Amino acid sequence: QARKVSNDEIAGTFIIIPPGSKLLTCFENGDTV
């Protein structure tokens, strides 16, 4: 995940991921791999 330094919230989305992985939606589509 990417997280804001200010408050530790998950931020942004992953748009390219390697084989053997998948996107998760923790708070918004694709914010976690």
PDB file of all heavy atoms in Angstrom:
ATOM      1  N   GLN A   1       0.839  -1.196   0.000  1.00  0.00           N
ATOM      2  CA  GLN A   1       0.000   0.000   0.000  1.00  0.00           C
ATOM      3  C   GLN A   1       0.877   1.250   0.000  1.00  0.00           C
ATOM      4  O   GLN A   1       2.006   1.213   0.480  1.00  0.00           O
ATOM      5  CB  GLN A   1      -0.879   0.062   1.263  1.00  0.00           C
ATOM      6  CG  GLN A   1      -1.830  -1.069   1.430  1.00  0.00           C
ATOM      7  CD  GLN A   1      -2.570  -1.031   2.760  1.00  0.00           C
ATOM      8  OE1 GLN A   1      -2.076  -0.481   3.749  1.00  0.00           O
ATOM      9  NE2 GLN A   1      -3.745  -1.627   2.784  1.00  0.00           N
ATOM     10  N   ALA A   2       0.316   2.352  -0.500  1.00  0.00           N
ATOM     11  CA  ALA A   2       0.898   3.684  -0.295  1.00  0.00           C
ATOM     12  C   ALA A   2       0.057   4.346   0.780  1.00  0.00           C
ATOM     13  O   ALA A   2      -1.173   4.223   0.783  1.00  0.00           O
ATOM     14  CB  ALA A   2       0.841   4.492  -1.585  1.00  0.00           C
ATOM     15  N   ARG A   3       0.716   5.044   1.710  1.00  0.00           N
ATOM     16  CA  ARG A   3      -0.007   5.704   2.804  1.00  0.00           C
ATOM     17  C   ARG A   3       0.504   7.125   2.981  1.00  0.00           C
ATOM     18  O   ARG A   3       1.692   7.402   2.834  1.00  0.00           O
ATOM     19  CB  ARG A   3       0.176   4.934   4.110  1.00  0.00           C
ATOM     20  CG  ARG A   3      -0.562   3.598   4.091  1.00  0.00           C
ATOM     21  CD  ARG A   3      -0.340   2.832   5.385  1.00  0.00           C
ATOM     22  NE  ARG A   3      -1.141   1.634   5.424  1.00  0.00           N
ATOM     23  CZ  ARG A   3      -2.108   1.403   6.307  1.00  0.00           C
ATOM     24  NH1 ARG A   3      -2.373   2.285   7.243  1.00  0.00           N
ATOM     25  NH2 ARG A   3      -2.792   0.284   6.262  1.00  0.00           N
ATOM     26  N   LYS A   4      -0.422   8.009   3.332  1.00  0.00           N
ATOM     27  CA  LYS A   4      -0.066   9.397   3.620  1.00  0.00           C
ATOM     28  C   LYS A   4       0.782   9.433   4.887  1.00  0.00           C
ATOM     29  O   LYS A   4       0.452   8.789   5.880  1.00  0.00           O
ATOM     30  CB  LYS A   4      -1.312  10.238   3.853  1.00  0.00           C
ATOM     31  CG  LYS A   4      -2.258  10.312   2.684  1.00  0.00           C
ATOM     32  CD  LYS A   4      -3.488  11.118   3.081  1.00  0.00           C
ATOM     33  CE  LYS A   4      -4.618  10.969   2.109  1.00  0.00           C
ATOM     34  NZ  LYS A   4      -5.825  11.695   2.561  1.00  0.00           N
ATOM     35  N   VAL A   5       1.848  10.198   4.864  1.00  0.00           N
ATOM     36  CA  VAL A   5       2.699  10.352   6.049  1.00  0.00           C
ATOM     37  C   VAL A   5       1.924  11.079   7.150  1.00  0.00           C
ATOM     38  O   VAL A   5       2.063  10.758   8.335  1.00  0.00           O
ATOM     39  CB  VAL A   5       4.007  11.098   5.691  1.00  0.00           C
ATOM     40  CG1 VAL A   5       4.790  11.472   6.934  1.00  0.00           C
ATOM     41  CG2 VAL A   5       4.859  10.245   4.748  1.00  0.00           C
ATOM     42  N   SER A   6       1.080  12.022   6.784  1.00  0.00           N
ATOM     43  CA  SER A   6       0.385  12.860   7.763  1.00  0.00           C
ATOM     44  C   SER A   6      -0.583  12.090   8.663  1.00  0.00           C
ATOM     45  O   SER A   6      -0.708  12.393   9.839  1.00  0.00           O
ATOM     46  CB  SER A   6      -0.376  13.981   7.057  1.00  0.00           C
ATOM     47  OG  SER A   6      -1.373  13.420   6.207  1.00  0.00           O
ATOM     48  N   ASN A   7      -1.283  11.093   8.107  1.00  0.00           N
ATOM     49  CA  ASN A   7      -2.305  10.415   8.916  1.00  0.00           C
ATOM     50  C   ASN A   7      -2.392   8.900   8.697  1.00  0.00           C
ATOM     51  O   ASN A   7      -3.311   8.261   9.179  1.00  0.00           O
ATOM     52  CB  ASN A   7      -3.676  11.048   8.677  1.00  0.00           C
ATOM     53  CG  ASN A   7      -4.122  10.918   7.235  1.00  0.00           C
ATOM     54  OD1 ASN A   7      -3.511  10.211   6.427  1.00  0.00           O
ATOM     55  ND2 ASN A   7      -5.202  11.614   6.895  1.00  0.00           N
ATOM     56  N   ASP A   8      -1.470   8.324   7.943  1.00  0.00           N
ATOM     57  CA  ASP A   8      -1.384   6.881   7.708  1.00  0.00           C
ATOM     58  C   ASP A   8      -2.550   6.328   6.881  1.00  0.00           C
ATOM     59  O   ASP A   8      -2.763   5.129   6.836  1.00  0.00           O
ATOM     60  CB  ASP A   8      -1.260   6.126   9.042  1.00  0.00           C
ATOM     61  CG  ASP A   8      -0.606   4.755   8.883  1.00  0.00           C
ATOM     62  OD1 ASP A   8       0.359   4.645   8.102  1.00  0.00           O
ATOM     63  OD2 ASP A   8      -1.080   3.797   9.514  1.00  0.00           O
ATOM     64  N   GLU A   9      -3.312   7.176   6.201  1.00  0.00           N
ATOM     65  CA  GLU A   9      -4.407   6.703   5.344  1.00  0.00           C
ATOM     66  C   GLU A   9      -3.849   6.144   4.041  1.00  0.00           C
ATOM     67  O   GLU A   9      -2.891   6.688   3.478  1.00  0.00           O
ATOM     68  CB  GLU A   9      -5.373   7.841   5.001  1.00  0.00           C
ATOM     69  CG  GLU A   9      -6.267   8.265   6.123  1.00  0.00           C
ATOM     70  CD  GLU A   9      -7.212   9.396   5.697  1.00  0.00           C
ATOM     71  OE1 GLU A   9      -7.191   9.840   4.524  1.00  0.00           O
ATOM     72  OE2 GLU A   9      -7.951   9.861   6.578  1.00  0.00           O
ATOM     73  N   ILE A  10      -4.487   5.092   3.539  1.00  0.00           N
ATOM     74  CA  ILE A  10      -4.128   4.519   2.243  1.00  0.00           C
ATOM     75  C   ILE A  10      -4.463   5.550   1.172  1.00  0.00           C
ATOM     76  O   ILE A  10      -5.499   6.213   1.238  1.00  0.00           O
ATOM     77  CB  ILE A  10      -4.898   3.209   2.003  1.00  0.00           C
ATOM     78  CG1 ILE A  10      -4.567   2.188   3.091  1.00  0.00           C
ATOM     79  CG2 ILE A  10      -4.575   2.641   0.620  1.00  0.00           C
ATOM     80  CD1 ILE A  10      -5.449   0.949   3.067  1.00  0.00           C
ATOM     81  N   ALA A  11      -3.572   5.683   0.167  1.00  0.00           N
ATOM     82  CA  ALA A  11      -3.761   6.715  -0.852  1.00  0.00           C
ATOM     83  C   ALA A  11      -3.358   6.206  -2.232  1.00  0.00           C
ATOM     84  O   ALA A  11      -2.473   5.365  -2.368  1.00  0.00           O
ATOM     85  CB  ALA A  11      -2.912   7.941  -0.493  1.00  0.00           C
ATOM     86  N   GLY A  12      -3.995   6.741  -3.255  1.00  0.00           N
ATOM     87  CA  GLY A  12      -3.646   6.429  -4.629  1.00  0.00           C
ATOM     88  C   GLY A  12      -4.077   5.034  -5.052  1.00  0.00           C
ATOM     89  O   GLY A  12      -4.730   4.315  -4.293  1.00  0.00           O
ATOM     90  N   THR A  13      -3.711   4.687  -6.280  1.00  0.00           N
ATOM     91  CA  THR A  13      -4.078   3.380  -6.828  1.00  0.00           C
ATOM     92  C   THR A  13      -2.896   2.790  -7.589  1.00  0.00           C
ATOM     93  O   THR A  13      -2.053   3.520  -8.124  1.00  0.00           O
ATOM     94  CB  THR A  13      -5.272   3.493  -7.791  1.00  0.00           C
ATOM     95  OG1 THR A  13      -4.961   4.438  -8.816  1.00  0.00           O
ATOM     96  CG2 THR A  13      -6.532   3.932  -7.077  1.00  0.00           C
ATOM     97  N   PHE A  14      -2.854   1.489  -7.617  1.00  0.00           N
ATOM     98  CA  PHE A  14      -1.834   0.795  -8.399  1.00  0.00           C
ATOM     99  C   PHE A  14      -2.403   0.528  -9.782  1.00  0.00           C
ATOM    100  O   PHE A  14      -3.527   0.041  -9.923  1.00  0.00           O
ATOM    101  CB  PHE A  14      -1.408  -0.498  -7.701  1.00  0.00           C
ATOM    102  CG  PHE A  14      -0.603  -0.229  -6.459  1.00  0.00           C
ATOM    103  CD1 PHE A  14      -1.235  -0.086  -5.231  1.00  0.00           C
ATOM    104  CD2 PHE A  14       0.772  -0.066  -6.525  1.00  0.00           C
ATOM    105  CE1 PHE A  14      -0.506   0.192  -4.085  1.00  0.00           C
ATOM    106  CE2 PHE A  14       1.511   0.226  -5.386  1.00  0.00           C
ATOM    107  CZ  PHE A  14       0.865   0.349  -4.168  1.00  0.00           C
ATOM    108  N   ILE A  15      -1.632   0.883 -10.831  1.00  0.00           N
ATOM    109  CA  ILE A  15      -2.131   0.734 -12.191  1.00  0.00           C
ATOM    110  C   ILE A  15      -1.374  -0.332 -12.974  1.00  0.00           C
ATOM    111  O   ILE A  15      -1.876  -0.796 -13.987  1.00  0.00           O
ATOM    112  CB  ILE A  15      -2.137   2.080 -12.943  1.00  0.00           C
ATOM    113  CG1 ILE A  15      -0.746   2.704 -12.967  1.00  0.00           C
ATOM    114  CG2 ILE A  15      -3.143   3.036 -12.297  1.00  0.00           C
ATOM    115  CD1 ILE A  15      -0.628   3.931 -13.858  1.00  0.00           C
ATOM    116  N   ILE A  16      -0.193  -0.698 -12.506  1.00  0.00           N
ATOM    117  CA  ILE A  16       0.553  -1.819 -13.111  1.00  0.00           C
ATOM    118  C   ILE A  16       1.031  -2.704 -11.976  1.00  0.00           C
ATOM    119  O   ILE A  16       1.648  -2.219 -11.015  1.00  0.00           O
ATOM    120  CB  ILE A  16       1.745  -1.330 -13.966  1.00  0.00           C
ATOM    121  CG1 ILE A  16       1.238  -0.475 -15.134  1.00  0.00           C
ATOM    122  CG2 ILE A  16       2.563  -2.523 -14.471  1.00  0.00           C
ATOM    123  CD1 ILE A  16       2.329   0.117 -16.007  1.00  0.00           C
ATOM    124  N   ILE A  17       0.726  -4.007 -12.103  1.00  0.00           N
ATOM    125  CA  ILE A  17       1.123  -4.974 -11.079  1.00  0.00           C
ATOM    126  C   ILE A  17       1.758  -6.174 -11.768  1.00  0.00           C
ATOM    127  O   ILE A  17       1.456  -6.461 -12.921  1.00  0.00           O
ATOM    128  CB  ILE A  17      -0.073  -5.401 -10.195  1.00  0.00           C
ATOM    129  CG1 ILE A  17      -1.170  -6.068 -11.027  1.00  0.00           C
ATOM    130  CG2 ILE A  17      -0.629  -4.192  -9.441  1.00  0.00           C
ATOM    131  CD1 ILE A  17      -2.314  -6.650 -10.202  1.00  0.00           C
ATOM    132  N   PRO A  18       2.644  -6.910 -11.074  1.00  0.00           N
ATOM    133  CA  PRO A  18       3.324  -8.042 -11.705  1.00  0.00           C
ATOM    134  C   PRO A  18       2.437  -9.293 -11.737  1.00  0.00           C
ATOM    135  O   PRO A  18       1.435  -9.383 -11.010  1.00  0.00           O
ATOM    136  CB  PRO A  18       4.535  -8.259 -10.792  1.00  0.00           C
ATOM    137  CG  PRO A  18       4.082  -7.774  -9.453  1.00  0.00           C
ATOM    138  CD  PRO A  18       3.146  -6.636  -9.731  1.00  0.00           C
ATOM    139  N   PRO A  19       2.826 -10.282 -12.561  1.00  0.00           N
ATOM    140  CA  PRO A  19       2.122 -11.568 -12.539  1.00  0.00           C
ATOM    141  C   PRO A  19       2.189 -12.163 -11.127  1.00  0.00           C
ATOM    142  O   PRO A  19       3.141 -11.915 -10.387  1.00  0.00           O
ATOM    143  CB  PRO A  19       2.914 -12.438 -13.521  1.00  0.00           C
ATOM    144  CG  PRO A  19       3.678 -11.475 -14.369  1.00  0.00           C
ATOM    145  CD  PRO A  19       3.922 -10.257 -13.520  1.00  0.00           C
ATOM    146  N   GLY A  20       1.180 -12.940 -10.757  1.00  0.00           N
ATOM    147  CA  GLY A  20       1.147 -13.536  -9.425  1.00  0.00           C
ATOM    148  C   GLY A  20       0.626 -12.582  -8.365  1.00  0.00           C
ATOM    149  O   GLY A  20       0.759 -12.836  -7.174  1.00  0.00           O
ATOM    150  N   SER A  21       0.032 -11.456  -8.809  1.00  0.00           N
ATOM    151  CA  SER A  21      -0.535 -10.498  -7.857  1.00  0.00           C
ATOM    152  C   SER A  21      -1.892 -10.030  -8.366  1.00  0.00           C
ATOM    153  O   SER A  21      -2.254 -10.261  -9.515  1.00  0.00           O
ATOM    154  CB  SER A  21       0.411  -9.314  -7.653  1.00  0.00           C
ATOM    155  OG  SER A  21       0.591  -8.601  -8.854  1.00  0.00           O
ATOM    156  N   LYS A  22      -2.643  -9.376  -7.466  1.00  0.00           N
ATOM    157  CA  LYS A  22      -3.962  -8.852  -7.835  1.00  0.00           C
ATOM    158  C   LYS A  22      -4.253  -7.606  -7.011  1.00  0.00           C
ATOM    159  O   LYS A  22      -3.680  -7.397  -5.949  1.00  0.00           O
ATOM    160  CB  LYS A  22      -5.042  -9.907  -7.621  1.00  0.00           C
ATOM    161  CG  LYS A  22      -5.257 -10.280  -6.161  1.00  0.00           C
ATOM    162  CD  LYS A  22      -6.332 -11.352  -6.026  1.00  0.00           C
ATOM    163  CE  LYS A  22      -6.586 -11.686  -4.562  1.00  0.00           C
ATOM    164  NZ  LYS A  22      -7.589 -12.731  -4.413  1.00  0.00           N
ATOM    165  N   LEU A  23      -5.158  -6.790  -7.534  1.00  0.00           N
ATOM    166  CA  LEU A  23      -5.575  -5.571  -6.848  1.00  0.00           C
ATOM    167  C   LEU A  23      -6.647  -5.882  -5.818  1.00  0.00           C
ATOM    168  O   LEU A  23      -7.484  -6.752  -6.027  1.00  0.00           O
ATOM    169  CB  LEU A  23      -6.116  -4.558  -7.857  1.00  0.00           C
ATOM    170  CG  LEU A  23      -5.113  -4.022  -8.869  1.00  0.00           C
ATOM    171  CD1 LEU A  23      -5.822  -3.192  -9.928  1.00  0.00           C
ATOM    172  CD2 LEU A  23      -4.030  -3.215  -8.181  1.00  0.00           C
ATOM    173  N   LEU A  24      -6.604  -5.155  -4.712  1.00  0.00           N
ATOM    174  CA  LEU A  24      -7.647  -5.208  -3.691  1.00  0.00           C
ATOM    175  C   LEU A  24      -8.255  -3.820  -3.566  1.00  0.00           C
ATOM    176  O   LEU A  24      -7.606  -2.822  -3.875  1.00  0.00           O
ATOM    177  CB  LEU A  24      -7.065  -5.577  -2.321  1.00  0.00           C
ATOM    178  CG  LEU A  24      -6.768  -7.016  -1.991  1.00  0.00           C
ATOM    179  CD1 LEU A  24      -6.223  -7.115  -0.570  1.00  0.00           C
ATOM    180  CD2 LEU A  24      -7.988  -7.894  -2.142  1.00  0.00           C
ATOM    181  N   THR A  25      -9.456  -3.783  -3.062  1.00  0.00           N
ATOM    182  CA  THR A  25     -10.119  -2.514  -2.768  1.00  0.00           C
ATOM    183  C   THR A  25     -10.299  -2.424  -1.265  1.00  0.00           C
ATOM    184  O   THR A  25     -11.225  -3.012  -0.714  1.00  0.00           O
ATOM    185  CB  THR A  25     -11.476  -2.446  -3.485  1.00  0.00           C
ATOM    186  OG1 THR A  25     -11.251  -2.559  -4.894  1.00  0.00           O
ATOM    187  CG2 THR A  25     -12.181  -1.135  -3.178  1.00  0.00           C
ATOM    188  N   CYS A  26      -9.387  -1.711  -0.606  1.00  0.00           N
ATOM    189  CA  CYS A  26      -9.538  -1.503   0.834  1.00  0.00           C
ATOM    190  C   CYS A  26     -10.459  -0.313   1.077  1.00  0.00           C
ATOM    191  O   CYS A  26     -11.409  -0.410   1.832  1.00  0.00           O
ATOM    192  CB  CYS A  26      -8.180  -1.300   1.490  1.00  0.00           C
ATOM    193  SG  CYS A  26      -7.222  -2.832   1.627  1.00  0.00           S
ATOM    194  N   PHE A  27     -10.167   0.825   0.413  1.00  0.00           N
ATOM    195  CA  PHE A  27     -11.017   2.005   0.531  1.00  0.00           C
ATOM    196  C   PHE A  27     -11.466   2.508  -0.834  1.00  0.00           C
ATOM    197  O   PHE A  27     -12.524   3.079  -0.968  1.00  0.00           O
ATOM    198  CB  PHE A  27     -10.314   3.102   1.326  1.00  0.00           C
ATOM    199  CG  PHE A  27     -10.063   2.686   2.746  1.00  0.00           C
ATOM    200  CD1 PHE A  27      -8.794   2.300   3.150  1.00  0.00           C
ATOM    201  CD2 PHE A  27     -11.094   2.623   3.671  1.00  0.00           C
ATOM    202  CE1 PHE A  27      -8.562   1.872   4.456  1.00  0.00           C
ATOM    203  CE2 PHE A  27     -10.877   2.198   4.964  1.00  0.00           C
ATOM    204  CZ  PHE A  27      -9.609   1.822   5.363  1.00  0.00           C
ATOM    205  N   GLU A  28     -10.624   2.322  -1.849  1.00  0.00           N
ATOM    206  CA  GLU A  28     -11.024   2.648  -3.216  1.00  0.00           C
ATOM    207  C   GLU A  28     -10.392   1.623  -4.156  1.00  0.00           C
ATOM    208  O   GLU A  28      -9.395   0.976  -3.805  1.00  0.00           O
ATOM    209  CB  GLU A  28     -10.651   4.079  -3.595  1.00  0.00           C
ATOM    210  CG  GLU A  28      -9.159   4.352  -3.718  1.00  0.00           C
ATOM    211  CD  GLU A  28      -8.881   5.763  -4.198  1.00  0.00           C
ATOM    212  OE1 GLU A  28      -8.901   5.988  -5.426  1.00  0.00           O
ATOM    213  OE2 GLU A  28      -8.635   6.627  -3.350  1.00  0.00           O
ATOM    214  N   ASN A  29     -10.962   1.474  -5.345  1.00  0.00           N
ATOM    215  CA  ASN A  29     -10.497   0.458  -6.295  1.00  0.00           C
ATOM    216  C   ASN A  29      -8.990   0.524  -6.520  1.00  0.00           C
ATOM    217  O   ASN A  29      -8.459   1.588  -6.843  1.00  0.00           O
ATOM    218  CB  ASN A  29     -11.189   0.624  -7.653  1.00  0.00           C
ATOM    219  CG  ASN A  29     -12.558  -0.001  -7.685  1.00  0.00           C
ATOM    220  OD1 ASN A  29     -12.876  -0.867  -6.864  1.00  0.00           O
ATOM    221  ND2 ASN A  29     -13.367   0.435  -8.626  1.00  0.00           N
ATOM    222  N   GLY A  30      -8.310  -0.621  -6.332  1.00  0.00           N
ATOM    223  CA  GLY A  30      -6.898  -0.716  -6.672  1.00  0.00           C
ATOM    224  C   GLY A  30      -5.941  -0.017  -5.746  1.00  0.00           C
ATOM    225  O   GLY A  30      -4.790   0.208  -6.111  1.00  0.00           O
ATOM    226  N   ASP A  31      -6.352   0.318  -4.524  1.00  0.00           N
ATOM    227  CA  ASP A  31      -5.441   1.024  -3.614  1.00  0.00           C
ATOM    228  C   ASP A  31      -4.470   0.094  -2.902  1.00  0.00           C
ATOM    229  O   ASP A  31      -3.546   0.556  -2.228  1.00  0.00           O
ATOM    230  CB  ASP A  31      -6.216   1.870  -2.596  1.00  0.00           C
ATOM    231  CG  ASP A  31      -7.120   1.058  -1.671  1.00  0.00           C
ATOM    232  OD1 ASP A  31      -7.113  -0.181  -1.719  1.00  0.00           O
ATOM    233  OD2 ASP A  31      -7.864   1.698  -0.897  1.00  0.00           O
ATOM    234  N   THR A  32      -4.635  -1.205  -3.059  1.00  0.00           N
ATOM    235  CA  THR A  32      -3.797  -2.202  -2.384  1.00  0.00           C
ATOM    236  C   THR A  32      -3.509  -3.333  -3.358  1.00  0.00           C
ATOM    237  O   THR A  32      -4.349  -3.656  -4.206  1.00  0.00           O
ATOM    238  CB  THR A  32      -4.531  -2.742  -1.141  1.00  0.00           C
ATOM    239  OG1 THR A  32      -4.821  -1.641  -0.266  1.00  0.00           O
ATOM    240  CG2 THR A  32      -3.710  -3.771  -0.390  1.00  0.00           C
ATOM    241  N   VAL A  33      -2.317  -3.923  -3.244  1.00  0.00           N
ATOM    242  CA  VAL A  33      -1.956  -5.084  -4.066  1.00  0.00           C
ATOM    243  C   VAL A  33      -1.587  -6.233  -3.136  1.00  0.00           C
ATOM    244  O   VAL A  33      -0.925  -6.023  -2.110  1.00  0.00           O
ATOM    245  CB  VAL A  33      -0.749  -4.793  -4.991  1.00  0.00           C
ATOM    246  CG1 VAL A  33      -0.476  -5.967  -5.918  1.00  0.00           C
ATOM    247  CG2 VAL A  33      -0.959  -3.531  -5.801  1.00  0.00           C
TER     248      VAL A  33
END
